[in-house]
Amino acid sequence: MMNTRILAAGLLLTSALPALAVPSTNVNVFGQVATPTTFDRAALAALPQTTSTQTYTSGGTPVTDTFTGPTLSALLNASGGIVTDPAVRNGVLRQYIVATGADGYKSVISAGEIASRFGNRPDLVAITDTLGKLPGSDGVARVVAAGDKAGGRYVSNLVSLEVGTAPAQSGTGGGTTTQFVVQGAVGTVMTFDLSALQALTPYTQTVTYTSGTTSVTDTYTGALLWDVLGRAGIATNAANKNDILSKLVTATGSDGYQVDFSAGELSPQFGDSGILVAYSDTAGQLSGGAGFARLVVPGDTAGGRYVSNLSSLTVLDVTTVPEPGSLLLLSAGLGGLLLMRRRA
């Protein structure tokens, strides 16, 4: 077993080292995938390629670029796919991907965002672009967060993609809820009941999704999930660039069913997904077994992220503590970095 004092010292020393400035040459996919794999440019180019033109802002300036590379889903599949717990219903919805650049910059994407049955976002790991930064100053690859308004989740000089699972949260034993709590990395822990939700700006969405094998169309009214979180205030570190993008939001139902969203997916500055915490609907679900509040995720194919009987929203920073599977990689990387320092 690794000596925890050595590990702690390694973590502190790693954080004290200057950021790497050289362009990346490989992308390491690890964590909860079946076959952790390192991809160089040739290996990335050998995967099926997708081309996508995106417009986003960088430092307030609009940028339009056409990117080509494998989708993020294809790259994860080439690493054997995300490993899920078969005992957990829709287990992939509890998982996330941390994209890290050579300078240590990190951004989180929820697995539900890119899963074909749910968000189905065509995010890329781009290896060429029409502006000529790939390959080049943006390294061997760059994450392309398709549809994002700002480029914060466009991680350049990509060096790793780590798949993790959010910690389990407790339900309330099942049954119909009349309130939920917002907790975790927030400024103020808050409890919301129906009147508190109705006090926020209302939005109405008509959506169609599948529940089991049944197609459901319903019109919901509720508050934006982002606005609910804003009332509690997500805690961020101003010293970290775009620190909001390191956060994950866990929605838990009274029965313990759990779904995770990246804060970047929810933020109006980035993904702007328009997810609702609904409190009324035309089909009568929210006056019946769905509880007083239910998540509504416009655009999702299946309803797995529509958490009913909402009992809690928990904000987590999943980039602060390494996944168990990454500890050996961290120690190996630290040793290599120290060796490079001695040779410099």
Foldseek 3Di string as FASTA:
>chain_A
DDDVVVLVVLVVVVVPDAFDQDFAFWEWEDAQAPATDIDGLVNFVPFDKDKDWAWADDPNHIDIKIFMTAFPQRVSVVRRHGDADPVADVRLLQKWKWWAARRGAIFIFRSQCCDCQWNVFRKGFTQDMPVGVHPHSQHRTWIDRHPWHHCSRGRGSTHYIHMDGDDFDAAQQDFAAQKAWEDAQFQAIDIDGLVNFVVADKDKDWAWADDPNDIDTKIFITHQPVVVRVVRHGHADPVRPPRLRQKKKWWAANNRRIGIGRSQCCDPNTNVQRKGFTQDMPVCPNVDGQHRTWIDGHNRHHDSRTRGRTHYIHMDRPPPDDDPGCSVVSVVVSVVVVVVVVVD
